[in-house]
Protein backbone atom coordinates (compact mmCIF):
# COMPACT_ATOMS: atom_id res chain seq x y z
CA UNK A 1 -20.49 -24.52 22.35
CA UNK A 2 -18.24 -27.24 23.77
CA UNK A 3 -16.29 -29.37 21.33
CA UNK A 4 -15.47 -33.02 21.98
CA UNK A 5 -11.81 -33.72 21.28
CA UNK A 6 -10.61 -37.29 20.95
CA UNK A 7 -6.83 -37.57 21.11
CA UNK A 8 -5.52 -40.68 19.41
CA UNK A 9 -1.89 -41.68 19.26
CA UNK A 10 -0.62 -43.73 16.34
CA UNK A 11 2.67 -45.60 16.24
CA UNK A 12 5.44 -44.14 14.11
CA UNK A 13 7.79 -46.13 11.88
CA UNK A 14 7.94 -48.02 8.63
CA UNK A 15 6.76 -51.23 10.31
CA UNK A 16 3.46 -49.56 11.22
CA UNK A 17 2.59 -48.13 7.80
CA UNK A 18 0.17 -50.92 6.84
CA UNK A 19 -1.68 -50.70 10.15
CA UNK A 20 -1.95 -46.90 9.91
CA UNK A 21 -3.18 -47.14 6.31
CA UNK A 22 -5.92 -49.57 7.35
CA UNK A 23 -6.93 -47.23 10.19
CA UNK A 24 -7.19 -44.36 7.71
CA UNK A 25 -9.48 -46.48 5.50
CA UNK A 26 -11.74 -47.14 8.49
CA UNK A 27 -11.93 -43.41 9.27
CA UNK A 28 -12.80 -42.61 5.65
CA UNK A 29 -15.54 -45.24 5.62
CA UNK A 30 -16.94 -43.85 8.89
CA UNK A 31 -16.91 -40.29 7.49
CA UNK A 32 -18.74 -41.43 4.34
CA UNK A 33 -21.33 -43.26 6.43
CA UNK A 34 -22.00 -40.18 8.62
CA UNK A 35 -22.31 -38.05 5.49
CA UNK A 36 -24.94 -40.39 4.00
CA UNK A 37 -26.90 -40.32 7.29
CA UNK A 38 -26.84 -36.51 7.37
CA UNK A 39 -24.82 -36.33 10.57
CA UNK A 40 -22.28 -33.62 11.41
CA UNK A 41 -18.88 -33.92 9.84
CA UNK A 42 -16.09 -35.02 12.13
CA UNK A 43 -12.86 -33.11 11.67
CA UNK A 44 -9.40 -34.14 12.71
CA UNK A 45 -6.00 -32.50 13.10
CA UNK A 46 -2.81 -34.43 12.55
CA UNK A 47 -0.11 -31.78 12.86
CA UNK A 48 0.63 -28.21 13.78
CA UNK A 49 1.47 -25.78 10.97
CA UNK A 50 3.74 -22.92 12.04
CA UNK A 51 3.81 -20.28 9.26
CA UNK A 52 6.50 -18.18 10.93
CA UNK A 53 8.85 -21.15 10.83
CA UNK A 54 7.49 -22.57 7.58
CA UNK A 55 7.13 -26.15 8.78
CA UNK A 56 4.78 -28.78 10.22
CA UNK A 57 5.23 -29.94 13.81
CA UNK A 58 3.68 -32.58 16.05
CA UNK A 59 0.65 -31.48 18.08
CA UNK A 60 1.40 -30.18 21.60
CA UNK A 61 -0.82 -32.80 23.25
CA UNK A 62 0.54 -32.07 26.73
CA UNK A 63 -1.01 -28.57 26.69
CA UNK A 64 -4.27 -29.30 24.80
CA UNK A 65 -7.66 -29.85 26.45
CA UNK A 66 -6.43 -29.36 29.99
CA UNK A 67 -9.66 -27.70 31.16
CA UNK A 68 -7.72 -24.83 32.79
CA UNK A 69 -9.56 -22.12 30.90
CA UNK A 70 -6.44 -20.92 29.13
CA UNK A 71 -5.28 -21.68 25.60
CA UNK A 72 -1.58 -22.31 25.02
CA UNK A 73 -1.86 -21.13 21.42
CA UNK A 74 -3.41 -17.83 22.52
CA UNK A 75 -0.61 -17.37 25.03
CA UNK A 76 1.95 -18.05 22.30
CA UNK A 77 0.33 -15.46 20.02
CA UNK A 78 0.19 -12.96 22.86
CA UNK A 79 3.86 -13.43 23.66
CA UNK A 80 4.71 -13.12 19.96
CA UNK A 81 2.75 -9.84 19.67
CA UNK A 82 4.43 -8.43 22.79
CA UNK A 83 7.80 -9.46 21.42
CA UNK A 84 7.20 -7.51 18.21
CA UNK A 85 5.50 -4.58 19.92
CA UNK A 86 6.06 -1.23 18.21
CA UNK A 87 7.17 1.65 20.44
CA UNK A 88 8.35 5.24 19.85
CA UNK A 89 10.42 7.10 22.42
CA UNK A 90 9.16 10.36 23.90
CA UNK A 91 11.56 12.55 21.94
CA UNK A 92 10.43 10.94 18.65
CA UNK A 93 14.02 10.32 17.59
CA UNK A 94 13.96 6.51 17.68
CA UNK A 95 11.57 3.58 17.69
CA UNK A 96 11.65 -0.18 18.13
CA UNK A 97 10.25 -2.30 15.32
CA UNK A 98 10.50 -6.11 15.23
CA UNK A 99 13.02 -6.16 18.10
CA UNK A 100 15.32 -3.72 16.28
CA UNK A 101 15.88 -0.14 17.38
CA UNK A 102 16.02 2.52 14.67
CA UNK A 103 17.18 6.08 15.27
CA UNK A 104 17.30 9.22 13.17
CA UNK A 105 20.27 9.18 10.74
CA UNK A 106 20.36 5.37 10.72
CA UNK A 107 20.55 3.54 7.41
CA UNK A 108 17.79 1.09 6.59
CA UNK A 109 16.71 -1.44 3.98
CA UNK A 110 13.44 -0.75 2.14
CA UNK A 111 11.68 -3.02 -0.30
CA UNK A 112 12.42 -1.82 -3.88
CA UNK A 113 8.73 -2.21 -4.77
CA UNK A 114 7.97 0.74 -2.49
CA UNK A 115 9.38 3.08 -5.09
CA UNK A 116 7.24 3.53 -8.19
CA UNK A 117 9.96 4.96 -10.45
CA UNK A 118 12.04 2.37 -12.25
CA UNK A 119 14.81 3.05 -14.71
CA UNK A 120 13.83 2.78 -18.35
CA UNK A 121 15.36 0.29 -20.74
CA UNK A 122 16.02 -2.47 -18.18
CA UNK A 123 15.36 -5.85 -19.74
CA UNK A 124 16.12 -9.33 -18.57
CA UNK A 125 17.30 -11.74 -21.23
CA UNK A 126 17.93 -14.78 -19.06
CA UNK A 127 15.08 -16.84 -17.69
CA UNK A 128 15.14 -18.34 -14.22
CA UNK A 129 13.79 -18.15 -10.70
CA UNK A 130 15.56 -14.83 -10.00
CA UNK A 131 13.91 -12.91 -12.84
CA UNK A 132 12.32 -9.73 -11.48
CA UNK A 133 14.10 -9.87 -8.13
CA UNK A 134 15.87 -6.71 -6.99
CA UNK A 135 18.06 -5.87 -4.05
CA UNK A 136 16.68 -3.85 -1.15
CA UNK A 137 16.84 -0.10 -1.57
CA UNK A 138 19.10 1.70 0.91
CA UNK A 139 17.79 4.81 2.65
CA UNK A 140 18.78 7.10 5.49
CA UNK A 141 16.22 7.80 8.21
CA UNK A 142 15.69 11.55 8.42
CA UNK A 143 12.53 12.05 10.49
CA UNK A 144 9.87 10.08 12.37
CA UNK A 145 6.33 11.30 11.74
CA UNK A 146 4.05 10.16 14.56
CA UNK A 147 0.24 10.52 14.15
CA UNK A 148 -1.40 13.16 16.28
CA UNK A 149 -3.13 12.18 19.54
CA UNK A 150 -5.38 10.51 20.51
CA UNK A 151 -4.41 7.87 17.92
CA UNK A 152 -1.91 5.41 19.32
CA UNK A 153 1.24 5.14 17.15
CA UNK A 154 1.78 1.80 15.45
CA UNK A 155 3.76 0.48 12.51
CA UNK A 156 0.81 0.89 10.13
CA UNK A 157 0.19 4.55 10.94
CA UNK A 158 3.62 5.96 11.86
CA UNK A 159 5.60 7.30 8.91
CA UNK A 160 9.28 7.94 8.35
CA UNK A 161 10.97 10.42 6.05
CA UNK A 162 13.96 8.87 4.32
CA UNK A 163 16.68 9.82 1.85
CA UNK A 164 17.13 7.46 -1.08
CA UNK A 165 20.57 6.05 -1.86
CA UNK A 166 20.92 4.52 -5.31
CA UNK A 167 22.74 1.33 -6.20
CA UNK A 168 24.80 0.99 -9.43
CA UNK A 169 22.17 -1.35 -10.91
CA UNK A 170 19.57 1.42 -10.47
CA UNK A 171 21.50 3.42 -13.08
CA UNK A 172 22.41 0.84 -15.74
CA UNK A 173 23.56 -2.73 -16.18
CA UNK A 174 26.92 -1.52 -17.45
CA UNK A 175 27.44 0.56 -14.30
CA UNK A 176 26.53 -2.38 -12.08
CA UNK A 177 28.99 -4.62 -13.95
CA UNK A 178 32.00 -2.38 -13.34
CA UNK A 179 31.15 -1.10 -9.85
CA UNK A 180 31.82 -2.40 -6.37
CA UNK A 181 28.88 -4.39 -5.01
CA UNK A 182 29.11 -2.35 -1.79
CA UNK A 183 28.95 1.08 -3.42
CA UNK A 184 25.89 3.33 -3.16
CA UNK A 185 25.23 6.87 -4.39
CA UNK A 186 23.92 9.83 -2.42
CA UNK A 187 20.89 11.69 -3.77
CA UNK A 188 18.60 14.55 -2.81
CA UNK A 189 15.51 12.37 -3.36
CA UNK A 190 13.37 11.91 -0.25
CA UNK A 191 10.32 9.78 0.40
CA UNK A 192 7.75 9.38 3.17
CA UNK A 193 7.03 5.74 3.94
CA UNK A 194 5.21 3.72 6.56
CA UNK A 195 7.33 2.03 9.20
CA UNK A 196 6.13 -1.37 8.01
CA UNK A 197 8.06 -0.76 4.75
CA UNK A 198 11.36 -1.14 6.64
CA UNK A 199 13.07 -4.50 6.03
CA UNK A 200 16.13 -4.12 8.28
CA UNK A 201 19.11 -2.02 9.21
CA UNK A 202 22.43 -1.53 7.43
CA UNK A 203 25.45 0.79 7.53
CA UNK A 204 27.02 3.30 5.13
CA UNK A 205 30.65 4.06 5.99
CA UNK A 206 33.67 5.65 4.44
CA UNK A 207 35.42 3.33 2.04
CA UNK A 208 38.51 3.31 4.24
CA UNK A 209 36.44 2.07 7.19
CA UNK A 210 35.11 -1.00 5.38
CA UNK A 211 36.54 -4.42 6.28
CA UNK A 212 38.55 -6.23 3.64
CA UNK A 213 36.43 -8.11 1.12
CA UNK A 214 38.25 -10.79 -0.91
CA UNK A 215 35.10 -12.65 -1.97
CA UNK A 216 32.64 -11.86 -4.77
CA UNK A 217 29.80 -11.78 -2.25
CA UNK A 218 29.29 -9.76 0.95
CA UNK A 219 27.90 -10.96 4.26
CA UNK A 220 28.12 -7.73 6.30
CA UNK A 221 25.43 -5.13 5.79
CA UNK A 222 27.99 -2.41 5.08
CA UNK A 223 28.26 -0.05 2.12
CA UNK A 224 30.26 3.04 1.18
CA UNK A 225 29.33 6.27 -0.57
CA UNK A 226 31.64 8.59 -2.51
CA UNK A 227 29.43 9.94 -5.33
CA UNK A 228 26.29 12.01 -5.84
CA UNK A 229 23.62 10.82 -8.28
CA UNK A 230 20.92 13.01 -9.80
CA UNK A 231 18.13 10.75 -11.15
CA UNK A 232 16.48 13.62 -13.01
CA UNK A 233 19.59 14.54 -15.00
CA UNK A 234 21.13 11.08 -14.91
CA UNK A 235 24.43 12.62 -13.80
CA UNK A 236 26.93 10.99 -11.45
CA UNK A 237 29.74 13.05 -9.86
CA UNK A 238 32.03 13.15 -6.86
CA UNK A 239 30.32 13.98 -3.59
CA UNK A 240 30.69 17.79 -3.09
CA UNK A 241 32.44 19.05 0.06
CA UNK A 242 29.37 21.04 1.15
CA UNK A 243 27.39 17.80 1.65
CA UNK A 244 28.25 16.55 5.10
CA UNK A 245 27.13 12.95 5.02
CA UNK A 246 26.69 11.36 8.42
CA UNK A 247 28.38 7.99 8.12
CA UNK A 248 27.78 4.99 10.36
CA UNK A 249 30.28 4.69 13.18
CA UNK A 250 32.95 2.04 12.62
CA UNK A 251 33.56 -0.15 15.66
CA UNK A 252 35.18 -3.35 16.79
CA UNK A 253 37.65 -5.04 14.48
CA UNK A 254 37.16 -2.37 11.80
CA UNK A 255 38.62 0.27 14.11
CA UNK A 256 41.85 -1.62 14.58
CA UNK A 257 42.00 -2.42 10.87
CA UNK A 258 41.63 1.24 10.01
CA UNK A 259 44.25 2.34 12.54
CA UNK A 260 46.78 -0.21 11.31
CA UNK A 261 46.12 0.97 7.72
CA UNK A 262 46.64 -2.52 6.35
CA UNK A 263 49.88 -3.18 8.23
CA UNK A 264 50.65 -6.64 9.58
CA UNK A 265 53.54 -8.64 10.95
CA UNK A 266 55.88 -9.91 8.28
CA UNK A 267 55.11 -13.49 7.28
CA UNK A 268 51.75 -13.87 9.06
CA UNK A 269 49.83 -13.97 5.75
CA UNK A 270 52.45 -15.85 3.75
CA UNK A 271 51.12 -19.28 4.78
CA UNK A 272 47.68 -18.59 3.29
CA UNK A 273 49.24 -17.29 0.07
CA UNK A 274 51.48 -20.36 -0.29
CA UNK A 275 48.52 -22.66 0.29
CA UNK A 276 46.58 -20.77 -2.35
CA UNK A 277 49.41 -21.26 -4.86
CA UNK A 278 49.43 -25.01 -4.21
CA UNK A 279 45.85 -25.27 -5.52
CA UNK A 280 46.54 -23.01 -8.49
CA UNK A 281 45.03 -24.39 -11.68
CA UNK A 282 47.93 -23.97 -14.07
CA UNK A 283 46.04 -25.42 -17.04
CA UNK A 284 43.37 -22.77 -16.82
CA UNK A 285 45.96 -20.04 -16.44
CA UNK A 286 47.67 -21.15 -19.66
CA UNK A 287 44.44 -20.93 -21.64
CA UNK A 288 43.43 -17.69 -19.95
CA UNK A 289 46.76 -16.04 -20.72
CA UNK A 290 47.12 -14.74 -17.17
CA UNK A 291 46.89 -15.86 -13.57
CA UNK A 292 43.60 -14.18 -12.83
CA UNK A 293 41.31 -17.02 -13.83
CA UNK A 294 42.39 -19.57 -11.25
CA UNK A 295 42.58 -16.81 -8.61
CA UNK A 296 38.98 -15.86 -9.26
CA UNK A 297 37.86 -19.49 -9.16
CA UNK A 298 39.63 -20.00 -5.84
CA UNK A 299 37.91 -16.97 -4.34
CA UNK A 300 34.54 -18.30 -5.47
CA UNK A 301 35.25 -21.71 -3.91
CA UNK A 302 35.35 -23.69 -7.18
CA UNK A 303 39.06 -24.41 -7.33
CA UNK A 304 38.94 -27.71 -5.43
CA UNK A 305 36.08 -29.08 -7.55
CA UNK A 306 37.71 -28.11 -10.82
CA UNK A 307 41.08 -29.44 -9.68
CA UNK A 308 39.58 -32.90 -9.15
CA UNK A 309 37.67 -32.62 -12.44
CA UNK A 310 40.81 -31.88 -14.42
CA UNK A 311 42.80 -34.57 -12.62
CA UNK A 312 40.24 -37.31 -13.20
CA UNK A 313 39.61 -36.43 -16.84
CA UNK A 314 41.32 -39.08 -19.05
CA UNK A 315 43.96 -37.65 -21.38
CA UNK A 316 43.05 -37.24 -25.02
CA UNK A 317 44.98 -39.11 -27.69
């Protein structure tokens, strides 16, 4: 059934608000009149909602109602589906999911809600928008389980066997407080999950292969593993020599950093250290009893704000 589309353009700007408001009142009165007469309801569309980008956009008028027999929106959806097409290679050792290639022995992010077991005794005492949120679980891809023919493999039917790596917060709050944010623990726990449970790719390296991290947050998806965790016994010990963990390959700048073993030309880092000392908050160091407080604030990016705050605060009498 053909649909009659009437494209109307309305001026944009604060000076046209009154005129546009009057036009809206006329449209509402017309709709009410048609409703009372029992006529069909006229619908209108003012903007394009794009859920993938989470925003409203202006209508693509230049590609609507052209009479060419093709729909621009259908073509966009088709291109989007082809872009995120799921494929498995013939040897079943790798696959492409959401434009990212995953291979056996790669490390991946998995939603923590995919694992039913949660540690006991974990309570949150502080309210806020982050209550209940947990970091992605880290797993190692061990095997790709493709459905038997004639069923075509897709992300909702293909499964992967993964090894679970535990984070410090999976053990206890006290362990998370005193551990490195990049540390994970090896385990013998394995799970079989659907491919659609994968949230992204990460790396697990040797600690010596990690780039330097002077900030309290991390931006690279890199972790290190040195310990073995048994969730059944609750024991944590050094990784045994018989477990040959396949680490992610270090490349790029990390290679040169590892080869230099922290060496640098004398004086090349002195300028940054001197600049850091210029912004040192001596008042806070006096009350803290050591120089660690201002150093921590500088690393977190709060030193400049607090420096101005202390300077502009009137002296007490």
